[in-house]
Amino acid sequence: MTALWLMFSAAFLAATLLPGGSEVLLAAMLSDDSSNWVSLVIVASIGNTLGAITSYYLGSLGRFARSPEAVAKGKYQHSLVLIHKYGYWALLLSWAPVIGDLLCLLAGWMKLPLMRSSLMILMGKSIRYLVVAALALHWL
């Protein structure tokens, strides 16, 4: 049970704007006990999704601090183009390094539908953790 809480916490923190290596922790935990892989992937996916939803919420609060013009001209341009072009579907890339956190922030800032956004985030992050688990289990 402690391992699951540790995995959840690491995944949650890694999805916020704090740096983290939840994938490395997942691989290390799988090398210790591969029989628990389903639980670890589920807990990591949920924790990481909830962390991303926290970023979404912070983005919605940031709408009061940043004007649309400031965001459009700033360092968010690439992520903003993805969100404008694909809408909440762009959140399937929320797992990606560098742009993933920005996509979640901007989704909240642009007030994309929370339920659809959350579903896309969950799917993208779950697929990422499944791939990490498959690779880790393959190399054990």
C-alpha atoms as a PDB file:
ATOM      1  CA  MET A   1       0.000   0.000   0.000  1.00  0.00           C
ATOM      2  CA  THR A   2       2.883   2.377   0.734  1.00  0.00           C
ATOM      3  CA  ALA A   3       4.239   1.809  -2.764  1.00  0.00           C
ATOM      4  CA  LEU A   4       0.930   2.854  -4.290  1.00  0.00           C
ATOM      5  CA  TRP A   5       0.811   6.084  -2.258  1.00  0.00           C
ATOM      6  CA  LEU A   6       4.403   6.832  -3.226  1.00  0.00           C
ATOM      7  CA  MET A   7       3.572   6.230  -6.897  1.00  0.00           C
ATOM      8  CA  PHE A   8       0.444   8.398  -6.666  1.00  0.00           C
ATOM      9  CA  SER A   9       2.324  11.242  -4.980  1.00  0.00           C
ATOM     10  CA  ALA A  10       5.214  11.161  -7.433  1.00  0.00           C
ATOM     11  CA  ALA A  11       2.850  11.070 -10.413  1.00  0.00           C
ATOM     12  CA  PHE A  12       0.726  13.903  -9.026  1.00  0.00           C
ATOM     13  CA  LEU A  13       3.711  16.154  -8.392  1.00  0.00           C
ATOM     14  CA  ALA A  14       5.269  15.339 -11.758  1.00  0.00           C
ATOM     15  CA  ALA A  15       2.114  16.537 -13.528  1.00  0.00           C
ATOM     16  CA  THR A  16       2.120  19.927 -11.882  1.00  0.00           C
ATOM     17  CA  LEU A  17       4.738  22.504 -12.743  1.00  0.00           C
ATOM     18  CA  LEU A  18       7.207  20.782 -10.433  1.00  0.00           C
ATOM     19  CA  PRO A  19       9.804  18.591 -12.114  1.00  0.00           C
ATOM     20  CA  GLY A  20       9.564  14.903 -11.443  1.00  0.00           C
ATOM     21  CA  GLY A  21      10.425  11.494 -12.792  1.00  0.00           C
ATOM     22  CA  SER A  22       7.411   9.331 -12.105  1.00  0.00           C
ATOM     23  CA  GLU A  23       8.259   7.095 -15.062  1.00  0.00           C
ATOM     24  CA  VAL A  24      11.614   6.199 -13.498  1.00  0.00           C
ATOM     25  CA  LEU A  25       9.899   5.447 -10.193  1.00  0.00           C
ATOM     26  CA  LEU A  26       7.343   3.244 -11.968  1.00  0.00           C
ATOM     27  CA  ALA A  27      10.100   1.296 -13.716  1.00  0.00           C
ATOM     28  CA  ALA A  28      12.009   0.892 -10.429  1.00  0.00           C
ATOM     29  CA  MET A  29       8.904  -0.312  -8.616  1.00  0.00           C
ATOM     30  CA  LEU A  30       8.158  -2.771 -11.395  1.00  0.00           C
ATOM     31  CA  SER A  31      11.673  -4.154 -11.171  1.00  0.00           C
ATOM     32  CA  ASP A  32      11.017  -4.855  -7.467  1.00  0.00           C
ATOM     33  CA  ASP A  33       7.535  -6.351  -7.892  1.00  0.00           C
ATOM     34  CA  SER A  34       6.212  -6.867 -11.415  1.00  0.00           C
ATOM     35  CA  SER A  35       3.065  -8.635 -10.184  1.00  0.00           C
ATOM     36  CA  ASN A  36       1.654  -5.287  -9.042  1.00  0.00           C
ATOM     37  CA  TRP A  37       1.968  -3.616 -12.458  1.00  0.00           C
ATOM     38  CA  VAL A  38      -1.754  -3.040 -13.087  1.00  0.00           C
ATOM     39  CA  SER A  39      -2.258  -1.266  -9.757  1.00  0.00           C
ATOM     40  CA  LEU A  40       0.859   0.844 -10.242  1.00  0.00           C
ATOM     41  CA  VAL A  41      -0.182   1.937 -13.743  1.00  0.00           C
ATOM     42  CA  ILE A  42      -3.710   2.812 -12.589  1.00  0.00           C
ATOM     43  CA  VAL A  43      -2.499   4.767  -9.550  1.00  0.00           C
ATOM     44  CA  ALA A  44       0.161   6.586 -11.588  1.00  0.00           C
ATOM     45  CA  SER A  45      -2.376   7.468 -14.283  1.00  0.00           C
ATOM     46  CA  ILE A  46      -4.891   8.801 -11.780  1.00  0.00           C
ATOM     47  CA  GLY A  47      -2.288  10.750  -9.809  1.00  0.00           C
ATOM     48  CA  ASN A  48      -0.786  12.272 -12.941  1.00  0.00           C
ATOM     49  CA  THR A  49      -4.236  13.149 -14.288  1.00  0.00           C
ATOM     50  CA  LEU A  50      -5.237  14.855 -11.035  1.00  0.00           C
ATOM     51  CA  GLY A  51      -1.979  16.817 -11.103  1.00  0.00           C
ATOM     52  CA  ALA A  52      -2.740  17.924 -14.667  1.00  0.00           C
ATOM     53  CA  ILE A  53      -6.257  18.952 -13.644  1.00  0.00           C
ATOM     54  CA  THR A  54      -4.632  21.062 -10.928  1.00  0.00           C
ATOM     55  CA  SER A  55      -2.640  22.770 -13.686  1.00  0.00           C
ATOM     56  CA  TYR A  56      -5.883  23.192 -15.649  1.00  0.00           C
ATOM     57  CA  TYR A  57      -7.451  24.888 -12.634  1.00  0.00           C
ATOM     58  CA  LEU A  58      -4.408  27.136 -12.150  1.00  0.00           C
ATOM     59  CA  GLY A  59      -4.710  28.079 -15.807  1.00  0.00           C
ATOM     60  CA  SER A  60      -8.313  29.076 -15.318  1.00  0.00           C
ATOM     61  CA  LEU A  61      -7.229  31.299 -12.417  1.00  0.00           C
ATOM     62  CA  GLY A  62      -4.428  32.732 -14.572  1.00  0.00           C
ATOM     63  CA  ARG A  63      -6.990  34.118 -16.976  1.00  0.00           C
ATOM     64  CA  PHE A  64      -7.449  36.944 -14.520  1.00  0.00           C
ATOM     65  CA  ALA A  65      -3.706  37.685 -14.492  1.00  0.00           C
ATOM     66  CA  ARG A  66      -2.828  37.471 -18.213  1.00  0.00           C
ATOM     67  CA  SER A  67      -4.576  39.066 -21.137  1.00  0.00           C
ATOM     68  CA  PRO A  68      -5.176  37.011 -24.297  1.00  0.00           C
ATOM     69  CA  GLU A  69      -2.743  39.275 -26.146  1.00  0.00           C
ATOM     70  CA  ALA A  70       0.051  38.623 -23.632  1.00  0.00           C
ATOM     71  CA  VAL A  71      -0.441  34.869 -23.881  1.00  0.00           C
ATOM     72  CA  ALA A  72      -0.621  34.897 -27.698  1.00  0.00           C
ATOM     73  CA  LYS A  73       2.695  36.782 -27.977  1.00  0.00           C
ATOM     74  CA  GLY A  74       4.555  35.006 -25.188  1.00  0.00           C
ATOM     75  CA  LYS A  75       6.351  31.720 -24.775  1.00  0.00           C
ATOM     76  CA  TYR A  76       3.055  29.839 -25.041  1.00  0.00           C
ATOM     77  CA  GLN A  77       2.643  30.292 -28.803  1.00  0.00           C
ATOM     78  CA  HIS A  78       3.338  26.695 -29.888  1.00  0.00           C
ATOM     79  CA  SER A  79       1.039  25.174 -27.270  1.00  0.00           C
ATOM     80  CA  LEU A  80      -1.605  27.798 -27.969  1.00  0.00           C
ATOM     81  CA  VAL A  81      -1.578  26.882 -31.672  1.00  0.00           C
ATOM     82  CA  LEU A  82      -2.136  23.215 -30.760  1.00  0.00           C
ATOM     83  CA  ILE A  83      -5.048  24.080 -28.481  1.00  0.00           C
ATOM     84  CA  HIS A  84      -6.627  26.389 -31.066  1.00  0.00           C
ATOM     85  CA  LYS A  85      -6.230  23.839 -33.851  1.00  0.00           C
ATOM     86  CA  TYR A  86      -7.264  20.660 -32.039  1.00  0.00           C
ATOM     87  CA  GLY A  87      -9.183  21.871 -28.973  1.00  0.00           C
ATOM     88  CA  TYR A  88      -9.354  19.430 -26.091  1.00  0.00           C
ATOM     89  CA  TRP A  89      -7.955  16.663 -28.361  1.00  0.00           C
ATOM     90  CA  ALA A  90      -4.551  18.347 -28.015  1.00  0.00           C
ATOM     91  CA  LEU A  91      -4.607  17.231 -24.383  1.00  0.00           C
ATOM     92  CA  LEU A  92      -3.800  13.703 -25.530  1.00  0.00           C
ATOM     93  CA  LEU A  93      -0.277  15.180 -25.601  1.00  0.00           C
ATOM     94  CA  SER A  94      -0.461  16.274 -21.965  1.00  0.00           C
ATOM     95  CA  TRP A  95       2.091  13.568 -21.148  1.00  0.00           C
ATOM     96  CA  ALA A  96       4.725  15.128 -23.411  1.00  0.00           C
ATOM     97  CA  PRO A  97       7.729  16.815 -21.829  1.00  0.00           C
ATOM     98  CA  VAL A  98       7.819  20.621 -21.992  1.00  0.00           C
ATOM     99  CA  ILE A  99       4.491  21.215 -23.778  1.00  0.00           C
ATOM    100  CA  GLY A 100       2.296  18.888 -21.701  1.00  0.00           C
ATOM    101  CA  ASP A 101       2.103  21.141 -18.650  1.00  0.00           C
ATOM    102  CA  LEU A 102       1.510  24.174 -20.836  1.00  0.00           C
ATOM    103  CA  LEU A 103      -1.303  22.438 -22.693  1.00  0.00           C
ATOM    104  CA  CYS A 104      -3.087  21.737 -19.404  1.00  0.00           C
ATOM    105  CA  LEU A 105      -2.583  25.311 -18.197  1.00  0.00           C
ATOM    106  CA  LEU A 106      -3.818  26.749 -21.467  1.00  0.00           C
ATOM    107  CA  ALA A 107      -6.820  24.428 -21.549  1.00  0.00           C
ATOM    108  CA  GLY A 108      -7.909  25.901 -18.246  1.00  0.00           C
ATOM    109  CA  TRP A 109      -7.030  29.396 -19.369  1.00  0.00           C
ATOM    110  CA  MET A 110      -9.146  28.940 -22.505  1.00  0.00           C
ATOM    111  CA  LYS A 111     -11.944  27.351 -20.460  1.00  0.00           C
ATOM    112  CA  LEU A 112     -12.094  24.142 -22.490  1.00  0.00           C
ATOM    113  CA  PRO A 113     -14.750  21.720 -21.190  1.00  0.00           C
ATOM    114  CA  LEU A 114     -13.409  20.170 -17.992  1.00  0.00           C
ATOM    115  CA  MET A 115     -14.873  16.666 -18.437  1.00  0.00           C
ATOM    116  CA  ARG A 116     -13.694  16.250 -22.024  1.00  0.00           C
ATOM    117  CA  SER A 117     -10.326  17.736 -21.174  1.00  0.00           C
ATOM    118  CA  SER A 118      -9.960  15.411 -18.191  1.00  0.00           C
ATOM    119  CA  LEU A 119     -10.806  12.386 -20.333  1.00  0.00           C
ATOM    120  CA  MET A 120      -8.179  13.318 -22.935  1.00  0.00           C
ATOM    121  CA  ILE A 121      -5.598  13.913 -20.219  1.00  0.00           C
ATOM    122  CA  LEU A 122      -6.395  10.556 -18.585  1.00  0.00           C
ATOM    123  CA  MET A 123      -6.143   8.704 -21.901  1.00  0.00           C
ATOM    124  CA  GLY A 124      -2.831  10.308 -22.883  1.00  0.00           C
ATOM    125  CA  LYS A 125      -1.229   9.756 -19.502  1.00  0.00           C
ATOM    126  CA  SER A 126      -2.546   6.194 -19.169  1.00  0.00           C
ATOM    127  CA  ILE A 127      -1.110   5.246 -22.548  1.00  0.00           C
ATOM    128  CA  ARG A 128       2.237   6.730 -21.537  1.00  0.00           C
ATOM    129  CA  TYR A 129       2.343   4.726 -18.276  1.00  0.00           C
ATOM    130  CA  LEU A 130       1.258   1.553 -20.083  1.00  0.00           C
ATOM    131  CA  VAL A 131       4.135   1.991 -22.536  1.00  0.00           C
ATOM    132  CA  VAL A 132       6.608   2.627 -19.699  1.00  0.00           C
ATOM    133  CA  ALA A 133       5.335  -0.454 -17.840  1.00  0.00           C
ATOM    134  CA  ALA A 134       5.499  -2.615 -20.969  1.00  0.00           C
ATOM    135  CA  LEU A 135       9.064  -1.529 -21.667  1.00  0.00           C
ATOM    136  CA  ALA A 136      10.102  -2.000 -18.035  1.00  0.00           C
ATOM    137  CA  LEU A 137       8.518  -5.456 -17.855  1.00  0.00           C
ATOM    138  CA  HIS A 138      10.103  -6.430 -21.153  1.00  0.00           C
ATOM    139  CA  TRP A 139      13.585  -5.558 -19.914  1.00  0.00           C
ATOM    140  CA  LEU A 140      13.226  -7.216 -16.478  1.00  0.00           C
END
